[in-house]
Protein backbone atom coordinates (compact mmCIF):
# COMPACT_ATOMS: atom_id res chain seq x y z
CA MET A 1 -16.35 29.56 -14.27
CA HIS A 2 -16.86 26.40 -16.42
CA LEU A 3 -16.96 23.41 -14.40
CA ASP A 4 -16.21 19.88 -15.98
CA ALA A 5 -17.95 17.97 -12.91
CA LEU A 6 -19.21 19.01 -9.76
CA VAL A 7 -19.12 16.62 -6.72
CA ALA A 8 -22.20 18.39 -4.74
CA ASN A 9 -23.74 18.05 -1.23
CA GLY A 10 -21.35 15.53 0.34
CA ARG A 11 -19.00 16.07 3.52
CA LEU A 12 -15.43 16.56 2.57
CA VAL A 13 -12.91 14.93 4.71
CA THR A 14 -9.55 16.89 4.80
CA PRO A 15 -6.30 15.44 6.31
CA PHE A 16 -6.26 18.02 9.43
CA GLU A 17 -9.33 20.57 9.13
CA GLY A 18 -11.91 17.75 9.69
CA VAL A 19 -15.13 17.39 7.96
CA GLN A 20 -16.16 20.44 5.30
CA GLU A 21 -19.74 20.80 4.07
CA VAL A 22 -18.15 22.04 0.63
CA ASP A 23 -18.67 21.18 -2.71
CA VAL A 24 -15.47 19.98 -5.04
CA ALA A 25 -15.35 22.01 -8.30
CA ILE A 26 -13.38 20.01 -11.21
CA SER A 27 -11.89 21.59 -14.30
CA GLY A 28 -9.63 20.21 -16.63
CA GLY A 29 -8.72 17.45 -13.96
CA ARG A 30 -7.99 19.12 -11.47
CA VAL A 31 -9.83 20.55 -8.19
CA SER A 32 -10.86 24.11 -9.33
CA ALA A 33 -12.57 25.21 -6.15
CA LEU A 34 -13.91 24.24 -2.85
CA LEU A 35 -17.34 25.98 -2.93
CA GLN A 36 -19.34 26.80 0.25
CA ARG A 37 -23.26 26.31 -0.23
CA PRO A 38 -25.27 27.50 -1.58
CA HIS A 39 -23.90 28.36 -5.08
CA ASP A 40 -25.10 28.58 -8.69
CA LEU A 41 -22.39 26.96 -10.58
CA GLN A 42 -23.36 24.35 -13.06
CA ALA A 43 -21.27 21.79 -14.58
CA ASP A 44 -21.22 19.12 -17.14
CA LEU A 45 -21.39 16.44 -14.87
CA VAL A 46 -23.12 16.63 -11.10
CA ILE A 47 -22.40 13.88 -8.66
CA ASP A 48 -24.82 13.92 -5.83
CA ALA A 49 -22.99 12.90 -2.65
CA ARG A 50 -25.62 13.71 -0.25
CA GLY A 51 -25.43 11.68 2.78
CA SER A 52 -22.02 10.33 1.89
CA TYR A 53 -18.34 11.44 2.75
CA VAL A 54 -15.92 12.85 -0.21
CA LEU A 55 -12.21 11.87 0.60
CA PRO A 56 -9.19 12.08 -1.61
CA GLY A 57 -8.59 8.89 -3.68
CA VAL A 58 -6.70 6.47 -1.60
CA ILE A 59 -3.03 5.80 -2.54
CA ASP A 60 -1.70 2.10 -1.94
CA PRO A 61 1.94 2.75 -2.05
CA HIS A 62 2.55 -1.17 -1.82
CA VAL A 63 1.46 -3.78 -4.69
CA HIS A 64 3.34 -6.29 -6.20
CA TYR A 65 2.29 -6.63 -9.79
CA GLY A 66 3.65 -9.59 -11.98
CA LEU A 67 3.45 -12.05 -9.43
CA GLY A 68 0.02 -13.37 -10.16
CA SER A 69 -1.87 -12.47 -13.60
CA PRO A 70 -0.08 -11.99 -16.83
CA ASP A 71 -1.79 -8.32 -17.01
CA ASP A 72 -1.71 -7.41 -13.73
CA TYR A 73 -1.91 -3.37 -14.75
CA THR A 74 -5.33 -4.20 -16.02
CA THR A 75 -7.21 -6.74 -13.51
CA GLU A 76 -5.35 -5.06 -10.58
CA THR A 77 -5.72 -1.61 -11.24
CA MET A 78 -9.66 -2.33 -12.15
CA SER A 79 -9.53 -3.81 -8.51
CA ALA A 80 -8.06 -0.93 -7.45
CA ALA A 81 -10.59 1.62 -8.45
CA VAL A 82 -13.54 -0.73 -7.02
CA GLY A 83 -12.08 -0.19 -3.75
CA GLY A 84 -11.61 3.58 -3.99
CA VAL A 85 -7.61 3.44 -4.77
CA THR A 86 -6.64 6.29 -7.11
CA THR A 87 -2.94 5.61 -7.20
CA VAL A 88 -0.53 2.40 -6.60
CA GLY A 89 2.81 2.36 -6.08
CA ASN A 90 4.21 -1.17 -7.53
CA PHE A 91 7.69 -2.57 -6.81
CA LEU A 92 9.44 -3.55 -9.81
CA MET A 93 11.73 -6.56 -8.82
CA ASN A 94 14.63 -7.50 -11.33
CA ALA A 95 18.48 -8.28 -10.91
CA ARG A 96 18.75 -6.74 -14.38
CA PRO A 97 19.54 -3.08 -14.86
CA TYR A 98 16.65 -0.92 -14.49
CA GLU A 99 17.69 1.58 -17.13
CA GLU A 100 17.06 -1.18 -19.41
CA LEU A 101 13.75 -2.12 -18.71
CA PHE A 102 11.94 1.11 -17.74
CA GLU A 103 10.76 2.36 -21.06
CA ALA A 104 9.51 -1.15 -22.20
CA GLU A 105 8.06 -1.51 -18.77
CA LEU A 106 6.24 2.19 -18.95
CA LYS A 107 4.66 1.64 -22.26
CA LYS A 108 2.92 -1.51 -21.10
CA ASP A 109 1.82 -0.63 -17.98
CA GLU A 110 0.27 3.10 -19.08
CA ALA A 111 -1.46 1.10 -21.87
CA SER A 112 -3.42 -1.43 -19.37
CA ALA A 113 -3.78 0.99 -16.26
CA TYR A 114 -7.15 2.07 -15.24
CA VAL A 115 -5.84 4.45 -12.53
CA ASP A 116 -2.55 6.40 -11.62
CA PHE A 117 0.45 4.68 -10.68
CA PHE A 118 4.26 5.20 -9.35
CA LEU A 119 7.10 2.77 -9.28
CA HIS A 120 9.72 1.75 -6.81
CA PHE A 121 12.89 -0.09 -8.16
CA THR A 122 14.16 -2.96 -6.23
CA VAL A 123 17.75 -2.56 -4.92
CA MET A 124 19.46 -5.91 -5.67
CA ASN A 125 23.23 -5.56 -6.36
CA ASP A 126 26.12 -3.14 -6.70
CA HIS A 127 24.82 -1.97 -10.17
CA HIS A 128 21.72 -0.81 -8.81
CA VAL A 129 23.03 0.98 -5.95
CA ALA A 130 25.64 2.53 -8.33
CA ARG A 131 22.34 3.84 -10.33
CA ILE A 132 20.69 5.57 -7.87
CA PRO A 133 21.02 9.29 -9.08
CA GLN A 134 20.02 8.22 -12.72
CA TYR A 135 17.12 6.29 -11.50
CA ILE A 136 16.09 9.47 -9.35
CA GLY A 137 15.97 11.60 -12.65
CA MET A 138 14.14 8.96 -14.54
CA GLY A 139 11.21 9.95 -11.89
CA VAL A 140 11.62 6.96 -9.69
CA PRO A 141 13.41 8.35 -6.17
CA THR A 142 12.03 5.65 -4.24
CA PHE A 143 13.32 1.98 -3.65
CA LYS A 144 13.02 -1.42 -2.21
CA TYR A 145 15.37 -3.45 -0.27
CA PHE A 146 14.78 -7.25 1.24
CA MET A 147 17.09 -7.42 4.00
CA SER A 148 15.81 -11.09 3.74
CA PHE A 149 17.38 -12.00 0.40
CA LYS A 150 20.66 -13.28 2.20
CA GLY A 151 21.82 -16.70 0.82
CA GLU A 152 19.27 -18.20 -1.72
CA GLU A 153 16.27 -16.29 -0.53
CA GLY A 154 16.14 -13.91 -3.45
CA LEU A 155 17.32 -16.74 -6.17
CA TYR A 156 13.51 -16.72 -7.69
CA LEU A 157 14.17 -13.21 -8.80
CA GLY A 158 18.05 -13.88 -9.54
CA VAL A 159 19.41 -12.52 -6.49
CA ALA A 160 22.55 -14.14 -5.63
CA GLY A 161 22.62 -12.88 -1.90
CA THR A 162 22.53 -9.70 -0.56
CA ASP A 163 24.33 -8.91 2.63
CA ASP A 164 24.58 -5.76 5.80
CA GLY A 165 27.62 -4.57 3.58
CA LEU A 166 25.53 -3.55 0.34
CA LEU A 167 22.68 -2.34 2.54
CA TRP A 168 25.08 0.01 3.91
CA GLU A 169 26.56 1.30 0.67
CA PHE A 170 22.69 1.71 -0.37
CA PHE A 171 21.83 3.67 2.61
CA GLU A 172 25.23 5.62 2.13
CA ALA A 173 23.73 6.36 -1.62
CA LEU A 174 20.47 7.21 -0.32
CA GLY A 175 21.57 9.80 2.26
CA ARG A 176 23.29 12.14 -0.48
CA HIS A 177 19.80 12.57 -1.99
CA PRO A 178 17.36 13.84 0.32
CA GLN A 179 14.21 13.12 -1.96
CA ALA A 180 15.37 9.29 -2.02
CA LEU A 181 13.85 6.83 0.12
CA THR A 182 13.75 3.22 0.36
CA ALA A 183 11.07 0.67 1.45
CA ILE A 184 12.51 -1.99 3.41
CA HIS A 185 11.53 -5.65 4.54
CA THR A 186 13.08 -6.30 7.70
CA GLU A 187 13.26 -10.01 8.90
CA ASN A 188 16.51 -11.41 9.89
CA ILE A 189 16.67 -14.63 7.60
CA GLU A 190 19.80 -16.39 9.21
CA VAL A 191 17.42 -16.97 12.20
CA VAL A 192 14.71 -18.03 10.04
CA TRP A 193 17.06 -20.42 8.31
CA ARG A 194 17.34 -22.27 11.66
CA LEU A 195 14.05 -22.05 13.09
CA ARG A 196 12.37 -23.48 9.85
CA LYS A 197 14.57 -26.65 9.73
CA ARG A 198 13.69 -27.42 13.46
CA LEU A 199 10.03 -26.83 13.08
CA GLN A 200 10.17 -28.94 9.52
CA GLU A 201 12.03 -31.52 11.29
CA ALA A 202 9.37 -31.66 13.76
CA GLY A 203 6.53 -32.22 11.31
CA ALA A 204 4.80 -28.86 12.17
CA ALA A 205 3.09 -27.54 9.19
CA ASP A 206 0.47 -25.11 10.03
CA LEU A 207 0.10 -21.44 10.14
CA ALA A 208 1.43 -20.98 13.62
CA ALA A 209 4.51 -23.14 12.76
CA TRP A 210 5.11 -20.16 9.92
CA ASP A 211 4.56 -17.80 12.50
CA ALA A 212 7.22 -19.51 14.75
CA SER A 213 9.70 -19.97 11.91
CA ARG A 214 9.53 -16.18 11.39
CA PRO A 215 8.95 -14.44 14.84
CA ASP A 216 8.43 -11.30 15.92
CA PHE A 217 12.31 -10.94 17.15
CA VAL A 218 13.77 -11.50 13.62
CA GLU A 219 11.61 -8.41 12.39
CA ALA A 220 12.18 -6.19 15.38
CA ASP A 221 16.04 -7.04 15.19
CA ASP A 222 16.38 -6.36 11.36
CA LEU A 223 14.34 -3.18 11.80
CA HIS A 224 16.51 -1.90 14.55
CA THR A 225 19.49 -2.44 12.46
CA ALA A 226 17.93 -0.90 9.33
CA CYS A 227 16.72 2.28 11.47
CA TYR A 228 20.27 2.59 13.16
CA PHE A 229 21.77 2.47 9.36
CA ALA A 230 19.65 5.44 8.39
CA ARG A 231 20.28 7.33 11.19
CA LEU A 232 23.82 7.11 10.73
CA THR A 233 23.98 7.90 6.80
CA GLY A 234 20.75 10.29 6.76
CA ALA A 235 18.90 7.99 4.64
CA ARG A 236 14.99 8.02 4.55
CA ILE A 237 13.48 4.80 5.08
CA TYR A 238 9.65 3.18 4.89
CA VAL A 239 9.40 0.23 6.95
CA VAL A 240 6.77 -1.73 5.39
CA HIS A 241 4.50 -3.95 6.39
CA VAL A 242 5.09 -4.09 10.22
CA SER A 243 3.62 -6.96 11.82
CA SER A 244 4.10 -7.23 15.51
CA ARG A 245 3.92 -5.32 19.00
CA ALA A 246 7.92 -6.04 19.47
CA ALA A 247 8.76 -4.78 16.21
CA MET A 248 6.29 -1.69 16.72
CA GLU A 249 8.03 -1.21 20.10
CA ILE A 250 11.52 -0.35 18.15
CA ALA A 251 10.23 1.42 15.66
CA ARG A 252 8.55 3.80 17.99
CA GLU A 253 11.80 4.39 20.13
CA GLN A 254 13.78 4.67 16.47
CA LYS A 255 11.32 7.14 15.38
CA ALA A 256 11.79 9.42 18.49
CA ARG A 257 15.40 9.60 17.46
CA TYR A 258 15.22 10.21 13.60
CA ASP A 259 12.55 11.76 11.79
CA GLY A 260 13.83 10.28 8.65
CA ILE A 261 11.78 6.87 9.46
CA TYR A 262 8.38 6.19 8.36
CA LEU A 263 6.35 2.80 9.37
CA GLU A 264 3.60 1.16 7.28
CA THR A 265 1.37 -1.66 8.51
CA CYS A 266 -1.38 -3.49 6.37
CA PRO A 267 -5.05 -4.35 6.98
CA HIS A 268 -4.55 -8.06 7.23
CA TYR A 269 -2.42 -7.48 10.39
CA LEU A 270 -4.88 -5.71 12.08
CA THR A 271 -7.80 -8.26 11.30
CA HIS A 272 -6.07 -11.70 11.22
CA THR A 273 -4.42 -13.68 13.46
CA ASN A 274 -1.98 -16.95 13.05
CA ASP A 275 -5.17 -19.47 14.27
CA THR A 276 -7.21 -18.25 11.53
CA PRO A 277 -9.57 -20.93 10.06
CA LEU A 278 -8.05 -19.65 6.53
CA GLY A 279 -4.88 -22.04 7.16
CA VAL A 280 -2.65 -21.81 4.29
CA MET A 281 -4.52 -19.17 2.49
CA GLY A 282 -3.56 -16.83 5.32
CA LYS A 283 0.47 -17.10 4.66
CA VAL A 284 2.03 -14.11 4.33
CA ASN A 285 5.49 -12.44 5.15
CA PRO A 286 6.00 -11.59 7.93
CA PRO A 287 3.36 -13.80 9.25
CA LEU A 288 0.00 -13.06 10.94
CA ARG A 289 0.48 -13.06 14.53
CA SER A 290 -1.43 -13.16 17.93
CA GLU A 291 -4.41 -11.10 19.11
CA SER A 292 -1.79 -9.13 21.47
CA ASP A 293 0.02 -8.19 18.14
CA VAL A 294 -3.23 -6.98 16.44
CA GLU A 295 -4.19 -4.66 19.46
CA ALA A 296 -0.60 -3.20 19.42
CA LEU A 297 -0.91 -2.44 15.94
CA TRP A 298 -4.47 -0.80 16.17
CA GLN A 299 -3.09 1.44 19.24
CA ALA A 300 -0.06 2.69 16.52
CA VAL A 301 -2.48 3.45 14.05
CA LEU A 302 -4.76 5.03 16.31
CA ASP A 303 -1.95 7.27 18.18
CA GLY A 304 -0.11 8.44 14.83
CA THR A 305 2.74 6.02 15.09
CA VAL A 306 2.04 4.46 11.90
CA ASP A 307 2.29 6.80 8.95
CA ALA A 308 0.42 4.74 5.87
CA ILE A 309 -1.36 1.68 5.43
CA GLY A 310 -0.39 -0.35 2.47
CA SER A 311 -2.11 -3.71 1.12
CA ASP A 312 1.23 -5.60 -0.04
CA HIS A 313 -1.49 -6.90 -2.66
CA ASN A 314 -0.39 -9.41 -4.88
CA SER A 315 -2.64 -11.25 -7.23
CA ARG A 316 -1.72 -14.86 -6.80
CA ARG A 317 -4.75 -17.12 -7.28
CA ARG A 318 -6.16 -19.90 -4.84
CA GLU A 319 -4.40 -22.82 -6.83
CA LYS A 320 -1.12 -21.45 -5.76
CA LYS A 321 -1.94 -21.53 -1.79
CA GLN A 322 -2.16 -25.34 -1.96
CA GLY A 323 -0.27 -27.63 0.00
CA ASN A 324 0.97 -27.24 3.57
CA ILE A 325 2.57 -24.04 5.04
CA TRP A 326 6.17 -25.14 3.45
CA GLN A 327 4.67 -25.69 -0.08
CA ALA A 328 2.12 -22.65 -0.42
CA SER A 329 2.82 -19.56 -1.72
CA ALA A 330 2.99 -16.46 0.33
CA GLY A 331 0.99 -13.17 -0.45
CA PHE A 332 -2.73 -12.40 -1.10
CA PRO A 333 -4.72 -9.42 -2.47
CA GLY A 334 -5.76 -6.71 -0.62
CA THR A 335 -5.99 -3.42 -2.49
CA ALA A 336 -9.77 -3.38 -3.07
CA THR A 337 -10.52 -4.32 0.72
CA LEU A 338 -7.76 -1.75 2.23
CA LEU A 339 -10.53 1.23 2.52
CA PRO A 340 -13.40 -1.20 3.43
CA VAL A 341 -11.30 -2.62 6.30
CA LEU A 342 -10.35 0.76 7.88
CA LEU A 343 -13.96 1.92 7.79
CA SER A 344 -15.35 -1.13 8.91
CA GLU A 345 -13.02 -2.04 11.34
CA GLY A 346 -11.41 0.96 12.31
CA VAL A 347 -14.28 3.83 11.80
CA ASN A 348 -17.45 2.10 12.70
CA LYS A 349 -15.98 -0.42 15.05
CA ARG A 350 -12.93 1.32 17.16
CA GLY A 351 -13.65 5.01 16.65
CA LEU A 352 -10.89 6.10 14.02
CA SER A 353 -11.66 9.61 12.76
CA LEU A 354 -11.93 9.79 8.88
CA GLU A 355 -9.72 12.43 9.15
CA ARG A 356 -7.10 9.81 10.42
CA VAL A 357 -8.16 7.78 7.49
CA VAL A 358 -7.44 10.49 5.33
CA GLN A 359 -4.02 10.67 6.53
CA LEU A 360 -3.03 7.18 6.61
CA THR A 361 -4.32 6.54 2.98
CA SER A 362 -4.06 9.61 1.19
CA TYR A 363 -1.97 12.58 2.54
CA SER A 364 0.98 10.61 4.67
CA PRO A 365 1.82 8.29 1.52
CA ALA A 366 1.44 11.26 -0.82
CA ARG A 367 4.15 13.20 1.51
CA ILE A 368 6.20 10.41 2.22
CA PHE A 369 6.54 9.26 -1.82
CA GLY A 370 6.83 12.49 -3.23
CA LEU A 371 3.22 12.95 -4.79
CA TYR A 372 2.14 15.79 -2.77
CA PRO A 373 0.36 18.23 -3.34
CA ARG A 374 -0.78 16.67 -6.99
CA LYS A 375 -2.16 13.64 -4.87
CA GLY A 376 -3.18 13.41 -1.27
CA ALA A 377 -5.51 15.78 -0.61
CA LEU A 378 -8.50 17.65 -2.28
CA GLN A 379 -7.37 21.11 -2.65
CA VAL A 380 -7.15 23.82 -5.26
CA GLY A 381 -4.78 22.59 -8.04
CA SER A 382 -4.51 19.11 -6.72
CA ASP A 383 -5.42 16.16 -9.23
CA ALA A 384 -9.03 15.38 -8.55
CA ASP A 385 -9.02 12.01 -7.11
CA LEU A 386 -11.41 11.14 -4.80
CA THR A 387 -13.52 8.59 -3.60
CA VAL A 388 -17.33 8.62 -2.19
CA VAL A 389 -17.99 6.80 0.74
CA ASP A 390 -20.99 5.21 2.36
CA LEU A 391 -20.45 4.59 5.83
CA GLY A 392 -23.46 3.05 6.35
CA LEU A 393 -23.01 0.83 3.56
CA GLU A 394 -22.85 -3.05 4.51
CA LYS A 395 -22.01 -5.44 2.00
CA VAL A 396 -20.37 -9.28 2.37
CA VAL A 397 -17.03 -9.31 0.60
CA GLU A 398 -17.28 -11.46 -2.62
CA PRO A 399 -13.91 -12.14 -4.77
CA GLU A 400 -15.85 -11.93 -8.19
CA ALA A 401 -16.79 -8.44 -7.19
CA LEU A 402 -13.49 -7.21 -6.58
CA LEU A 403 -12.43 -7.73 -9.98
CA SER A 404 -8.94 -9.08 -9.03
CA TYR A 405 -7.26 -11.81 -11.03
CA SER A 406 -7.09 -13.33 -7.61
CA ASP A 407 -10.03 -15.66 -6.90
CA TYR A 408 -10.31 -15.33 -3.36
CA SER A 409 -9.82 -12.91 -0.43
CA LEU A 410 -8.81 -13.14 3.23
CA TYR A 411 -12.15 -11.34 3.86
CA GLU A 412 -14.12 -13.77 1.59
CA GLY A 413 -17.88 -14.14 3.16
CA GLN A 414 -17.32 -11.55 5.83
CA SER A 415 -19.60 -8.57 6.29
CA LEU A 416 -17.72 -5.18 6.09
CA LYS A 417 -19.78 -1.89 7.14
CA GLY A 418 -18.48 1.17 4.88
CA TRP A 419 -17.67 0.92 1.23
CA PRO A 420 -16.73 3.54 -1.59
CA VAL A 421 -19.42 4.14 -4.07
CA LEU A 422 -17.90 6.29 -6.64
CA THR A 423 -14.04 6.71 -7.55
CA MET A 424 -12.84 9.41 -9.56
CA VAL A 425 -9.35 9.97 -11.45
CA ARG A 426 -8.27 13.00 -12.31
CA GLY A 427 -11.99 14.33 -12.95
CA LYS A 428 -13.03 10.97 -14.44
CA VAL A 429 -15.62 8.54 -12.91
CA VAL A 430 -13.91 4.99 -13.10
CA MET A 431 -16.13 3.37 -10.38
CA GLN A 432 -19.56 4.07 -9.87
CA ASP A 433 -22.12 1.84 -7.44
CA GLY A 434 -19.52 -0.99 -7.24
CA LYS A 435 -19.09 -1.18 -11.08
CA LEU A 436 -16.16 -0.42 -13.40
CA VAL A 437 -16.92 2.53 -15.68
CA GLY A 438 -13.32 3.56 -16.10
CA GLN A 439 -11.26 3.16 -19.48
CA LYS A 440 -8.24 0.92 -19.85
CA GLY A 441 -5.01 3.06 -20.67
CA TYR A 442 -6.31 6.11 -18.58
CA GLY A 443 -4.00 5.57 -15.55
CA ARG A 444 -0.73 7.47 -15.90
CA PHE A 445 2.90 7.05 -14.43
CA MET A 446 3.53 9.55 -11.90
CA ALA A 447 7.25 10.83 -12.14
CA ARG A 448 8.22 12.22 -9.27
């Protein structure tokens, strides 16, 4: 057997079988064998992973490209590769018909990407709902819906306002297609409008005020509505960035009633609170919460309630975070630190198993979003997407080393223990020892 590459002497982490002492054989960009040691097979490229763990490549299913860099598919997939991320799921957000935008978007994205990617279409109007079967046929069976885009909240994207009637009809359409799924942002914005006005009139303008304007119960309220509608229609939903104990409690109850509900949280909700010294740099929707919420989310990660981790990455720069809390832009970069945060704060500090890390970052996202078995596990026939991880490697986070267009990180200056030291996409090394070695345009669109 001729091998293009061999990842030798490492400890392979699987989603359910734990750690295995096997070598990963790669041919034609795919895993061709898992080899017991010793063996006598040779390869054009031998990667010695001795002392390290070999994980399936991380899938970040929640990124927002196009909000920062004019060339996000270059800069942000470079950043993904540095963080051991081999596939990203980007949300296209446009009020126009996606069938008119798709081909040009795909051509541009494939010319720039360093890692593989898939797309979600953000549903904003009746036209989008009516085209669900067509979009599925285009290889995009997953969508996004902002329950918060009522009134004028979505005007910056050309959305004239959504409502729960549109949500219901969207869910009815999803329920007719078992392979379809929507990611959903749950915040009752009508309550937020009132609370925000009250806080602004009182002169509150810090990160705690941002939390107070979008409190946990507005997240939990819309989450309950979304789950109930999903259960009634048979729609499959993926609740993004669950941020609070209150929302997680509702989500846990709803998951027990209906198996078409999947939950995501983000690294920043596992590490930061609303009193962080970062101030407006930490502005995000939903807001950073309390230490009690952080602990509740870690419990949900550890006990299996959370299905996946997404970064909610965008590449806005520091200059967009200026002014008080009402003026600064929301969101920040996160793809490159997703895995290091889980390794440092989860595995090394809280006893999170590497097997569970693989479930959260590879296997479950691949299953939920229709990428499995090509992505999500290192098994014979799957794409040779992997990251080699050194659990003992400790580094201080430096934004410039993360290669994002964004010039800051929530973890800037913080020491994290546990880093990817090599990233491979379809059998090609794209990052080694923290340095980008891949090629622009190598990444491919994953039709599902």
